[in-house]
PDB file of N, CA and C in Angstrom:
ATOM      1  N   TYR A   1      13.178  -5.329   0.494  1.00  0.00           N
ATOM      2  CA  TYR A   1      13.272  -3.906   0.788  1.00  0.00           C
ATOM      3  C   TYR A   1      12.224  -3.507   1.789  1.00  0.00           C
ATOM      4  N   GLY A   2      12.580  -2.781   2.798  1.00  0.00           N
ATOM      5  CA  GLY A   2      11.629  -2.134   3.676  1.00  0.00           C
ATOM      6  C   GLY A   2      11.056  -2.981   4.798  1.00  0.00           C
ATOM      7  N   TYR A   3      11.425  -4.267   4.897  1.00  0.00           N
ATOM      8  CA  TYR A   3      10.826  -5.082   5.931  1.00  0.00           C
ATOM      9  C   TYR A   3      11.127  -4.567   7.321  1.00  0.00           C
ATOM     10  N   ASN A   4      12.303  -4.012   7.517  1.00  0.00           N
ATOM     11  CA  ASN A   4      12.646  -3.490   8.826  1.00  0.00           C
ATOM     12  C   ASN A   4      11.922  -2.187   9.138  1.00  0.00           C
ATOM     13  N   LYS A   5      11.226  -1.626   8.165  1.00  0.00           N
ATOM     14  CA  LYS A   5      10.516  -0.373   8.374  1.00  0.00           C
ATOM     15  C   LYS A   5       9.028  -0.589   8.624  1.00  0.00           C
ATOM     16  N   LEU A   6       8.576  -1.843   8.546  1.00  0.00           N
ATOM     17  CA  LEU A   6       7.168  -2.118   8.782  1.00  0.00           C
ATOM     18  C   LEU A   6       6.854  -1.886  10.255  1.00  0.00           C
ATOM     19  N   PRO A   7       5.644  -1.403  10.547  1.00  0.00           N
ATOM     20  CA  PRO A   7       5.300  -1.095  11.924  1.00  0.00           C
ATOM     21  C   PRO A   7       5.024  -2.327  12.775  1.00  0.00           C
ATOM     22  N   TYR A   8       4.982  -3.501  12.161  1.00  0.00           N
ATOM     23  CA  TYR A   8       4.727  -4.736  12.882  1.00  0.00           C
ATOM     24  C   TYR A   8       5.765  -5.765  12.462  1.00  0.00           C
ATOM     25  N   SER A   9       6.011  -6.736  13.322  1.00  0.00           N
ATOM     26  CA  SER A   9       6.878  -7.835  12.918  1.00  0.00           C
ATOM     27  C   SER A   9       5.995  -9.041  12.625  1.00  0.00           C
ATOM     28  N   TYR A  10       6.443  -9.859  11.708  1.00  0.00           N
ATOM     29  CA  TYR A  10       5.674 -11.019  11.285  1.00  0.00           C
ATOM     30  C   TYR A  10       6.512 -12.269  11.453  1.00  0.00           C
ATOM     31  N   SER A  11       5.876 -13.318  11.936  1.00  0.00           N
ATOM     32  CA  SER A  11       6.549 -14.602  12.060  1.00  0.00           C
ATOM     33  C   SER A  11       6.597 -15.258  10.687  1.00  0.00           C
ATOM     34  N   PRO A  12       7.509 -16.193  10.504  1.00  0.00           N
ATOM     35  CA  PRO A  12       7.536 -16.920   9.220  1.00  0.00           C
ATOM     36  C   PRO A  12       6.186 -17.575   8.904  1.00  0.00           C
ATOM     37  N   ASP A  13       5.488 -18.069   9.930  1.00  0.00           N
ATOM     38  CA  ASP A  13       4.173 -18.687   9.700  1.00  0.00           C
ATOM     39  C   ASP A  13       3.163 -17.682   9.166  1.00  0.00           C
ATOM     40  N   SER A  14       3.149 -16.472   9.718  1.00  0.00           N
ATOM     41  CA  SER A  14       2.175 -15.480   9.251  1.00  0.00           C
ATOM     42  C   SER A  14       2.520 -15.018   7.836  1.00  0.00           C
ATOM     43  N   ILE A  15       3.801 -14.943   7.513  1.00  0.00           N
ATOM     44  CA  ILE A  15       4.202 -14.581   6.150  1.00  0.00           C
ATOM     45  C   ILE A  15       3.765 -15.679   5.186  1.00  0.00           C
ATOM     46  N   GLN A  16       3.934 -16.926   5.576  1.00  0.00           N
ATOM     47  CA  GLN A  16       3.502 -18.044   4.730  1.00  0.00           C
ATOM     48  C   GLN A  16       1.992 -18.007   4.518  1.00  0.00           C
ATOM     49  N   ARG A  17       1.225 -17.679   5.565  1.00  0.00           N
ATOM     50  CA  ARG A  17      -0.236 -17.588   5.419  1.00  0.00           C
ATOM     51  C   ARG A  17      -0.614 -16.463   4.456  1.00  0.00           C
ATOM     52  N   MET A  18       0.063 -15.312   4.569  1.00  0.00           N
ATOM     53  CA  MET A  18      -0.213 -14.207   3.638  1.00  0.00           C
ATOM     54  C   MET A  18       0.099 -14.629   2.206  1.00  0.00           C
ATOM     55  N   PHE A  19       1.248 -15.293   2.033  1.00  0.00           N
ATOM     56  CA  PHE A  19       1.642 -15.757   0.705  1.00  0.00           C
ATOM     57  C   PHE A  19       0.602 -16.729   0.161  1.00  0.00           C
ATOM     58  N   SER A  20       0.193 -17.681   0.975  1.00  0.00           N
ATOM     59  CA  SER A  20      -0.786 -18.678   0.537  1.00  0.00           C
ATOM     60  C   SER A  20      -2.115 -18.035   0.173  1.00  0.00           C
ATOM     61  N   THR A  21      -2.509 -17.012   0.911  1.00  0.00           N
ATOM     62  CA  THR A  21      -3.755 -16.313   0.616  1.00  0.00           C
ATOM     63  C   THR A  21      -3.663 -15.597  -0.722  1.00  0.00           C
ATOM     64  N   MET A  22      -2.512 -15.010  -1.014  1.00  0.00           N
ATOM     65  CA  MET A  22      -2.333 -14.283  -2.263  1.00  0.00           C
ATOM     66  C   MET A  22      -2.140 -15.222  -3.451  1.00  0.00           C
ATOM     67  N   ASP A  23      -1.548 -16.393  -3.222  1.00  0.00           N
ATOM     68  CA  ASP A  23      -1.282 -17.365  -4.294  1.00  0.00           C
ATOM     69  C   ASP A  23      -2.550 -18.169  -4.566  1.00  0.00           C
ATOM     70  N   VAL A  24      -3.501 -17.548  -5.236  1.00  0.00           N
ATOM     71  CA  VAL A  24      -4.834 -18.115  -5.433  1.00  0.00           C
ATOM     72  C   VAL A  24      -4.794 -19.446  -6.169  1.00  0.00           C
ATOM     73  N   ASN A  25      -3.976 -19.571  -7.199  1.00  0.00           N
ATOM     74  CA  ASN A  25      -3.937 -20.820  -7.972  1.00  0.00           C
ATOM     75  C   ASN A  25      -2.979 -21.849  -7.378  1.00  0.00           C
ATOM     76  N   ASP A  26      -2.372 -21.518  -6.252  1.00  0.00           N
ATOM     77  CA  ASP A  26      -1.554 -22.449  -5.479  1.00  0.00           C
ATOM     78  C   ASP A  26      -0.398 -23.056  -6.286  1.00  0.00           C
ATOM     79  N   ASN A  27       0.244 -22.215  -7.112  1.00  0.00           N
ATOM     80  CA  ASN A  27       1.371 -22.708  -7.911  1.00  0.00           C
ATOM     81  C   ASN A  27       2.731 -22.331  -7.316  1.00  0.00           C
ATOM     82  N   GLY A  28       2.729 -21.746  -6.113  1.00  0.00           N
ATOM     83  CA  GLY A  28       3.984 -21.384  -5.467  1.00  0.00           C
ATOM     84  C   GLY A  28       4.540 -20.039  -5.883  1.00  0.00           C
ATOM     85  N   GLU A  29       3.792 -19.307  -6.704  1.00  0.00           N
ATOM     86  CA  GLU A  29       4.203 -17.980  -7.159  1.00  0.00           C
ATOM     87  C   GLU A  29       3.022 -17.030  -7.054  1.00  0.00           C
ATOM     88  N   ILE A  30       3.311 -15.764  -6.824  1.00  0.00           N
ATOM     89  CA  ILE A  30       2.263 -14.748  -6.820  1.00  0.00           C
ATOM     90  C   ILE A  30       2.390 -13.967  -8.114  1.00  0.00           C
ATOM     91  N   SER A  31       1.413 -14.136  -8.985  1.00  0.00           N
ATOM     92  CA  SER A  31       1.427 -13.426 -10.263  1.00  0.00           C
ATOM     93  C   SER A  31       1.060 -11.963 -10.038  1.00  0.00           C
ATOM     94  N   ARG A  32       1.298 -11.160 -11.064  1.00  0.00           N
ATOM     95  CA  ARG A  32       0.932  -9.743 -10.992  1.00  0.00           C
ATOM     96  C   ARG A  32      -0.569  -9.610 -10.720  1.00  0.00           C
ATOM     97  N   ASP A  33      -1.398 -10.415 -11.402  1.00  0.00           N
ATOM     98  CA  ASP A  33      -2.849 -10.341 -11.200  1.00  0.00           C
ATOM     99  C   ASP A  33      -3.242 -10.748  -9.781  1.00  0.00           C
ATOM    100  N   GLU A  34      -2.624 -11.800  -9.261  1.00  0.00           N
ATOM    101  CA  GLU A  34      -2.926 -12.221  -7.892  1.00  0.00           C
ATOM    102  C   GLU A  34      -2.532 -11.124  -6.903  1.00  0.00           C
ATOM    103  N   PHE A  35      -1.387 -10.500  -7.143  1.00  0.00           N
ATOM    104  CA  PHE A  35      -0.931  -9.428  -6.259  1.00  0.00           C
ATOM    105  C   PHE A  35      -1.890  -8.247  -6.310  1.00  0.00           C
ATOM    106  N   ARG A  36      -2.275  -7.848  -7.523  1.00  0.00           N
ATOM    107  CA  ARG A  36      -3.212  -6.730  -7.675  1.00  0.00           C
ATOM    108  C   ARG A  36      -4.532  -7.012  -6.972  1.00  0.00           C
ATOM    109  N   LYS A  37      -5.055  -8.220  -7.157  1.00  0.00           N
ATOM    110  CA  LYS A  37      -6.326  -8.569  -6.518  1.00  0.00           C
ATOM    111  C   LYS A  37      -6.223  -8.489  -5.007  1.00  0.00           C
ATOM    112  N   SER A  38      -5.088  -8.900  -4.458  1.00  0.00           N
ATOM    113  CA  SER A  38      -4.925  -8.846  -3.006  1.00  0.00           C
ATOM    114  C   SER A  38      -4.859  -7.403  -2.518  1.00  0.00           C
ATOM    115  N   LEU A  39      -4.335  -6.503  -3.354  1.00  0.00           N
ATOM    116  CA  LEU A  39      -4.263  -5.088  -2.956  1.00  0.00           C
ATOM    117  C   LEU A  39      -5.594  -4.378  -3.123  1.00  0.00           C
ATOM    118  N   VAL A  40      -6.431  -4.886  -4.014  1.00  0.00           N
ATOM    119  CA  VAL A  40      -7.713  -4.243  -4.280  1.00  0.00           C
ATOM    120  C   VAL A  40      -8.733  -4.591  -3.204  1.00  0.00           C
ATOM    121  N   GLU A  41      -8.541  -5.735  -2.540  1.00  0.00           N
ATOM    122  CA  GLU A  41      -9.467  -6.110  -1.485  1.00  0.00           C
ATOM    123  C   GLU A  41      -9.492  -5.016  -0.426  1.00  0.00           C
ATOM    124  N   GLU A  42     -10.654  -4.798   0.099  1.00  0.00           N
ATOM    125  CA  GLU A  42     -10.863  -3.756   1.099  1.00  0.00           C
ATOM    126  C   GLU A  42     -10.020  -4.024   2.347  1.00  0.00           C
ATOM    127  N   PRO A  43      -9.107  -3.119   2.702  1.00  0.00           N
ATOM    128  CA  PRO A  43      -8.371  -3.310   3.947  1.00  0.00           C
ATOM    129  C   PRO A  43      -9.339  -3.177   5.119  1.00  0.00           C
ATOM    130  N   THR A  44      -9.240  -4.075   6.077  1.00  0.00           N
ATOM    131  CA  THR A  44     -10.220  -4.085   7.155  1.00  0.00           C
ATOM    132  C   THR A  44      -9.649  -3.677   8.502  1.00  0.00           C
ATOM    133  N   THR A  45      -8.348  -3.667   8.628  1.00  0.00           N
ATOM    134  CA  THR A  45      -7.752  -3.333   9.912  1.00  0.00           C
ATOM    135  C   THR A  45      -6.684  -2.262   9.743  1.00  0.00           C
ATOM    136  N   GLN A  46      -6.342  -1.653  10.849  1.00  0.00           N
ATOM    137  CA  GLN A  46      -5.271  -0.662  10.840  1.00  0.00           C
ATOM    138  C   GLN A  46      -3.973  -1.322  10.386  1.00  0.00           C
ATOM    139  N   ARG A  47      -3.783  -2.571  10.739  1.00  0.00           N
ATOM    140  CA  ARG A  47      -2.571  -3.296  10.329  1.00  0.00           C
ATOM    141  C   ARG A  47      -2.516  -3.417   8.806  1.00  0.00           C
ATOM    142  N   ASP A  48      -3.665  -3.746   8.173  1.00  0.00           N
ATOM    143  CA  ASP A  48      -3.719  -3.826   6.707  1.00  0.00           C
ATOM    144  C   ASP A  48      -3.320  -2.486   6.091  1.00  0.00           C
ATOM    145  N   VAL A  49      -3.880  -1.421   6.628  1.00  0.00           N
ATOM    146  CA  VAL A  49      -3.606  -0.085   6.094  1.00  0.00           C
ATOM    147  C   VAL A  49      -2.141   0.282   6.294  1.00  0.00           C
ATOM    148  N   ASP A  50      -1.583  -0.064   7.448  1.00  0.00           N
ATOM    149  CA  ASP A  50      -0.174   0.236   7.710  1.00  0.00           C
ATOM    150  C   ASP A  50       0.746  -0.533   6.767  1.00  0.00           C
ATOM    151  N   LEU A  51       0.376  -1.748   6.413  1.00  0.00           N
ATOM    152  CA  LEU A  51       1.176  -2.503   5.457  1.00  0.00           C
ATOM    153  C   LEU A  51       1.148  -1.841   4.083  1.00  0.00           C
ATOM    154  N   ILE A  52      -0.026  -1.418   3.663  1.00  0.00           N
ATOM    155  CA  ILE A  52      -0.141  -0.724   2.377  1.00  0.00           C
ATOM    156  C   ILE A  52       0.678   0.568   2.419  1.00  0.00           C
ATOM    157  N   PHE A  53       0.564   1.311   3.519  1.00  0.00           N
ATOM    158  CA  PHE A  53       1.318   2.553   3.675  1.00  0.00           C
ATOM    159  C   PHE A  53       2.814   2.293   3.527  1.00  0.00           C
ATOM    160  N   ALA A  54       3.310   1.226   4.176  1.00  0.00           N
ATOM    161  CA  ALA A  54       4.743   0.911   4.122  1.00  0.00           C
ATOM    162  C   ALA A  54       5.191   0.592   2.703  1.00  0.00           C
ATOM    163  N   VAL A  55       4.313  -0.010   1.907  1.00  0.00           N
ATOM    164  CA  VAL A  55       4.649  -0.324   0.519  1.00  0.00           C
ATOM    165  C   VAL A  55       4.703   0.952  -0.322  1.00  0.00           C
ATOM    166  N   VAL A  56       3.756   1.850  -0.108  1.00  0.00           N
ATOM    167  CA  VAL A  56       3.679   3.071  -0.916  1.00  0.00           C
ATOM    168  C   VAL A  56       4.746   4.084  -0.499  1.00  0.00           C
ATOM    169  N   ASP A  57       5.114   4.107   0.762  1.00  0.00           N
ATOM    170  CA  ASP A  57       6.152   5.011   1.269  1.00  0.00           C
ATOM    171  C   ASP A  57       7.520   4.494   0.835  1.00  0.00           C
ATOM    172  N   LEU A  58       7.847   4.713  -0.428  1.00  0.00           N
ATOM    173  CA  LEU A  58       9.025   4.118  -1.061  1.00  0.00           C
ATOM    174  C   LEU A  58      10.342   4.472  -0.378  1.00  0.00           C
ATOM    175  N   ASP A  59      10.454   5.694   0.117  1.00  0.00           N
ATOM    176  CA  ASP A  59      11.726   6.107   0.719  1.00  0.00           C
ATOM    177  C   ASP A  59      11.775   5.880   2.231  1.00  0.00           C
ATOM    178  N   GLY A  60      10.689   5.350   2.790  1.00  0.00           N
ATOM    179  CA  GLY A  60      10.669   5.050   4.216  1.00  0.00           C
ATOM    180  C   GLY A  60      10.682   6.263   5.111  1.00  0.00           C
ATOM    181  N   SER A  61      10.230   7.403   4.586  1.00  0.00           N
ATOM    182  CA  SER A  61      10.286   8.657   5.339  1.00  0.00           C
ATOM    183  C   SER A  61       9.173   8.789   6.378  1.00  0.00           C
ATOM    184  N   GLY A  62       8.177   7.926   6.311  1.00  0.00           N
ATOM    185  CA  GLY A  62       7.048   8.046   7.234  1.00  0.00           C
ATOM    186  C   GLY A  62       5.920   8.871   6.670  1.00  0.00           C
ATOM    187  N   SER A  63       6.064   9.298   5.427  1.00  0.00           N
ATOM    188  CA  SER A  63       4.982  10.018   4.745  1.00  0.00           C
ATOM    189  C   SER A  63       5.059   9.683   3.257  1.00  0.00           C
ATOM    190  N   ILE A  64       3.967   9.945   2.571  1.00  0.00           N
ATOM    191  CA  ILE A  64       3.883   9.659   1.144  1.00  0.00           C
ATOM    192  C   ILE A  64       3.732  10.973   0.399  1.00  0.00           C
ATOM    193  N   ASP A  65       4.614  11.214  -0.572  1.00  0.00           N
ATOM    194  CA  ASP A  65       4.470  12.415  -1.390  1.00  0.00           C
ATOM    195  C   ASP A  65       3.782  12.036  -2.701  1.00  0.00           C
ATOM    196  N   LEU A  66       3.460  13.042  -3.490  1.00  0.00           N
ATOM    197  CA  LEU A  66       2.736  12.819  -4.738  1.00  0.00           C
ATOM    198  C   LEU A  66       3.511  11.893  -5.671  1.00  0.00           C
ATOM    199  N   GLU A  67       4.810  12.050  -5.726  1.00  0.00           N
ATOM    200  CA  GLU A  67       5.636  11.214  -6.598  1.00  0.00           C
ATOM    201  C   GLU A  67       5.538   9.739  -6.207  1.00  0.00           C
ATOM    202  N   GLU A  68       5.593   9.455  -4.904  1.00  0.00           N
ATOM    203  CA  GLU A  68       5.498   8.071  -4.440  1.00  0.00           C
ATOM    204  C   GLU A  68       4.125   7.478  -4.741  1.00  0.00           C
ATOM    205  N   LEU A  69       3.070   8.237  -4.470  1.00  0.00           N
ATOM    206  CA  LEU A  69       1.724   7.742  -4.743  1.00  0.00           C
ATOM    207  C   LEU A  69       1.534   7.494  -6.235  1.00  0.00           C
ATOM    208  N   THR A  70       2.013   8.421  -7.048  1.00  0.00           N
ATOM    209  CA  THR A  70       1.899   8.273  -8.498  1.00  0.00           C
ATOM    210  C   THR A  70       2.661   7.048  -8.972  1.00  0.00           C
ATOM    211  N   GLU A  71       3.900   6.891  -8.516  1.00  0.00           N
ATOM    212  CA  GLU A  71       4.711   5.747  -8.929  1.00  0.00           C
ATOM    213  C   GLU A  71       4.027   4.434  -8.554  1.00  0.00           C
ATOM    214  N   HIS A  72       3.496   4.375  -7.349  1.00  0.00           N
ATOM    215  CA  HIS A  72       2.835   3.157  -6.888  1.00  0.00           C
ATOM    216  C   HIS A  72       1.590   2.851  -7.716  1.00  0.00           C
ATOM    217  N   LEU A  73       0.736   3.845  -7.907  1.00  0.00           N
ATOM    218  CA  LEU A  73      -0.523   3.604  -8.619  1.00  0.00           C
ATOM    219  C   LEU A  73      -0.297   3.335 -10.108  1.00  0.00           C
ATOM    220  N   VAL A  74       0.660   4.019 -10.717  1.00  0.00           N
ATOM    221  CA  VAL A  74       0.966   3.766 -12.132  1.00  0.00           C
ATOM    222  C   VAL A  74       1.494   2.340 -12.289  1.00  0.00           C
ATOM    223  N   SER A  75       2.338   1.899 -11.370  1.00  0.00           N
ATOM    224  CA  SER A  75       2.862   0.527 -11.449  1.00  0.00           C
ATOM    225  C   SER A  75       1.762  -0.511 -11.237  1.00  0.00           C
ATOM    226  N   ALA A  76       0.692  -0.102 -10.567  1.00  0.00           N
ATOM    227  CA  ALA A  76      -0.446  -1.005 -10.351  1.00  0.00           C
ATOM    228  C   ALA A  76      -1.460  -0.934 -11.489  1.00  0.00           C
ATOM    229  N   GLY A  77      -1.191  -0.079 -12.494  1.00  0.00           N
ATOM    230  CA  GLY A  77      -2.056  -0.046 -13.667  1.00  0.00           C
ATOM    231  C   GLY A  77      -2.937   1.176 -13.811  1.00  0.00           C
ATOM    232  N   TYR A  78      -2.869   2.102 -12.872  1.00  0.00           N
ATOM    233  CA  TYR A  78      -3.658   3.334 -12.988  1.00  0.00           C
ATOM    234  C   TYR A  78      -2.876   4.330 -13.838  1.00  0.00           C
ATOM    235  N   GLU A  79      -3.537   4.877 -14.849  1.00  0.00           N
ATOM    236  CA  GLU A  79      -2.820   5.736 -15.784  1.00  0.00           C
ATOM    237  C   GLU A  79      -3.222   7.203 -15.732  1.00  0.00           C
ATOM    238  N   ASP A  80      -4.336   7.509 -15.097  1.00  0.00           N
ATOM    239  CA  ASP A  80      -4.833   8.879 -15.084  1.00  0.00           C
ATOM    240  C   ASP A  80      -4.127   9.676 -13.986  1.00  0.00           C
ATOM    241  N   LYS A  81      -3.042  10.366 -14.365  1.00  0.00           N
ATOM    242  CA  LYS A  81      -2.241  11.092 -13.378  1.00  0.00           C
ATOM    243  C   LYS A  81      -3.004  12.268 -12.761  1.00  0.00           C
ATOM    244  N   GLU A  82      -3.934  12.842 -13.501  1.00  0.00           N
ATOM    245  CA  GLU A  82      -4.748  13.925 -12.946  1.00  0.00           C
ATOM    246  C   GLU A  82      -5.640  13.386 -11.820  1.00  0.00           C
ATOM    247  N   GLU A  83      -6.190  12.220 -12.031  1.00  0.00           N
ATOM    248  CA  GLU A  83      -7.022  11.594 -11.007  1.00  0.00           C
ATOM    249  C   GLU A  83      -6.178  11.216  -9.782  1.00  0.00           C
ATOM    250  N   ILE A  84      -4.968  10.743 -10.023  1.00  0.00           N
ATOM    251  CA  ILE A  84      -4.061  10.411  -8.916  1.00  0.00           C
ATOM    252  C   ILE A  84      -3.744  11.666  -8.109  1.00  0.00           C
ATOM    253  N   GLU A  85      -3.510  12.767  -8.800  1.00  0.00           N
ATOM    254  CA  GLU A  85      -3.220  14.031  -8.099  1.00  0.00           C
ATOM    255  C   GLU A  85      -4.422  14.491  -7.276  1.00  0.00           C
ATOM    256  N   GLN A  86      -5.622  14.346  -7.816  1.00  0.00           N
ATOM    257  CA  GLN A  86      -6.834  14.701  -7.064  1.00  0.00           C
ATOM    258  C   GLN A  86      -6.967  13.825  -5.815  1.00  0.00           C
ATOM    259  N   LEU A  87      -6.696  12.537  -5.962  1.00  0.00           N
ATOM    260  CA  LEU A  87      -6.741  11.627  -4.823  1.00  0.00           C
ATOM    261  C   LEU A  87      -5.726  12.047  -3.767  1.00  0.00           C
ATOM    262  N   PHE A  88      -4.523  12.386  -4.212  1.00  0.00           N
ATOM    263  CA  PHE A  88      -3.477  12.813  -3.285  1.00  0.00           C
ATOM    264  C   PHE A  88      -3.942  14.026  -2.472  1.00  0.00           C
ATOM    265  N   HIS A  89      -4.477  15.027  -3.144  1.00  0.00           N
ATOM    266  CA  HIS A  89      -4.895  16.240  -2.443  1.00  0.00           C
ATOM    267  C   HIS A  89      -6.070  15.977  -1.500  1.00  0.00           C
ATOM    268  N   LYS A  90      -6.900  15.033  -1.849  1.00  0.00           N
ATOM    269  CA  LYS A  90      -8.011  14.665  -0.974  1.00  0.00           C
ATOM    270  C   LYS A  90      -7.490  13.976   0.292  1.00  0.00           C
ATOM    271  N   MET A  91      -6.458  13.157   0.146  1.00  0.00           N
ATOM    272  CA  MET A  91      -5.899  12.429   1.286  1.00  0.00           C
ATOM    273  C   MET A  91      -4.989  13.310   2.140  1.00  0.00           C
ATOM    274  N   ASP A  92      -4.369  14.318   1.539  1.00  0.00           N
ATOM    275  CA  ASP A  92      -3.458  15.227   2.242  1.00  0.00           C
ATOM    276  C   ASP A  92      -4.290  16.280   2.972  1.00  0.00           C
ATOM    277  N   ILE A  93      -4.848  15.891   4.090  1.00  0.00           N
ATOM    278  CA  ILE A  93      -5.837  16.695   4.808  1.00  0.00           C
ATOM    279  C   ILE A  93      -5.304  18.068   5.196  1.00  0.00           C
ATOM    280  N   ASP A  94      -4.054  18.150   5.656  1.00  0.00           N
ATOM    281  CA  ASP A  94      -3.520  19.442   6.094  1.00  0.00           C
ATOM    282  C   ASP A  94      -2.788  20.195   4.980  1.00  0.00           C
ATOM    283  N   ASN A  95      -2.848  19.670   3.759  1.00  0.00           N
ATOM    284  CA  ASN A  95      -2.277  20.339   2.577  1.00  0.00           C
ATOM    285  C   ASN A  95      -0.801  20.708   2.724  1.00  0.00           C
ATOM    286  N   ASP A  96      -0.022  19.820   3.352  1.00  0.00           N
ATOM    287  CA  ASP A  96       1.406  20.117   3.502  1.00  0.00           C
ATOM    288  C   ASP A  96       2.264  19.411   2.452  1.00  0.00           C
ATOM    289  N   GLY A  97       1.627  18.771   1.475  1.00  0.00           N
ATOM    290  CA  GLY A  97       2.368  18.129   0.399  1.00  0.00           C
ATOM    291  C   GLY A  97       2.830  16.716   0.707  1.00  0.00           C
ATOM    292  N   ARG A  98       2.319  16.148   1.785  1.00  0.00           N
ATOM    293  CA  ARG A  98       2.657  14.768   2.127  1.00  0.00           C
ATOM    294  C   ARG A  98       1.477  14.146   2.867  1.00  0.00           C
ATOM    295  N   ILE A  99       1.324  12.858   2.685  1.00  0.00           N
ATOM    296  CA  ILE A  99       0.268  12.119   3.377  1.00  0.00           C
ATOM    297  C   ILE A  99       0.923  11.373   4.531  1.00  0.00           C
ATOM    298  N   THR A 100       0.516  11.703   5.742  1.00  0.00           N
ATOM    299  CA  THR A 100       1.053  11.020   6.915  1.00  0.00           C
ATOM    300  C   THR A 100       0.329   9.683   7.088  1.00  0.00           C
ATOM    301  N   ARG A 101       0.869   8.858   7.948  1.00  0.00           N
ATOM    302  CA  ARG A 101       0.235   7.567   8.241  1.00  0.00           C
ATOM    303  C   ARG A 101      -1.192   7.785   8.751  1.00  0.00           C
ATOM    304  N   ASN A 102      -1.390   8.773   9.618  1.00  0.00           N
ATOM    305  CA  ASN A 102      -2.735   9.029  10.153  1.00  0.00           C
ATOM    306  C   ASN A 102      -3.689   9.515   9.067  1.00  0.00           C
ATOM    307  N   GLU A 103      -3.217  10.366   8.175  1.00  0.00           N
ATOM    308  CA  GLU A 103      -4.065  10.813   7.069  1.00  0.00           C
ATOM    309  C   GLU A 103      -4.423   9.629   6.172  1.00  0.00           C
ATOM    310  N   PHE A 104      -3.461   8.760   5.941  1.00  0.00           N
ATOM    311  CA  PHE A 104      -3.689   7.582   5.113  1.00  0.00           C
ATOM    312  C   PHE A 104      -4.724   6.670   5.770  1.00  0.00           C
ATOM    313  N   ARG A 105      -4.577   6.465   7.072  1.00  0.00           N
ATOM    314  CA  ARG A 105      -5.545   5.638   7.797  1.00  0.00           C
ATOM    315  C   ARG A 105      -6.945   6.227   7.702  1.00  0.00           C
ATOM    316  N   ARG A 106      -7.069   7.527   7.909  1.00  0.00           N
ATOM    317  CA  ARG A 106      -8.391   8.175   7.836  1.00  0.00           C
ATOM    318  C   ARG A 106      -9.015   8.039   6.461  1.00  0.00           C
ATOM    319  N   ALA A 107      -8.191   8.101   5.441  1.00  0.00           N
ATOM    320  CA  ALA A 107      -8.708   8.017   4.077  1.00  0.00           C
ATOM    321  C   ALA A 107      -9.148   6.597   3.722  1.00  0.00           C
ATOM    322  N   ILE A 108      -8.483   5.602   4.276  1.00  0.00           N
ATOM    323  CA  ILE A 108      -8.731   4.215   3.893  1.00  0.00           C
ATOM    324  C   ILE A 108      -9.767   3.542   4.787  1.00  0.00           C
ATOM    325  N   LEU A 109      -9.671   3.753   6.078  1.00  0.00           N
ATOM    326  CA  LEU A 109     -10.589   3.054   7.006  1.00  0.00           C
ATOM    327  C   LEU A 109     -11.917   3.769   7.171  1.00  0.00           C
TER     328      LEU A 109
END
């Protein structure tokens, strides 16, 4: 889902490198814990942030609403919905009810 909506294209080799980096125990599978750890690592480039944005932007609209952010963070194990809402409002710089890619980049980088 959503690969055609990513802002960058990836070669099969680069996808394999990403997979290998995430598959810490080298068993050919990415466990939930391995996936979570890879998402928790500090994103260092705009490309990293754009990839995270594409994952959280569930409907591919180009912005993230509170429902999408909540769904993503709850699925990653965060349960405090009040804290998620506070985070959303902090990231939604222009208070229009959606986080744009630029707002997301500013909040993360």
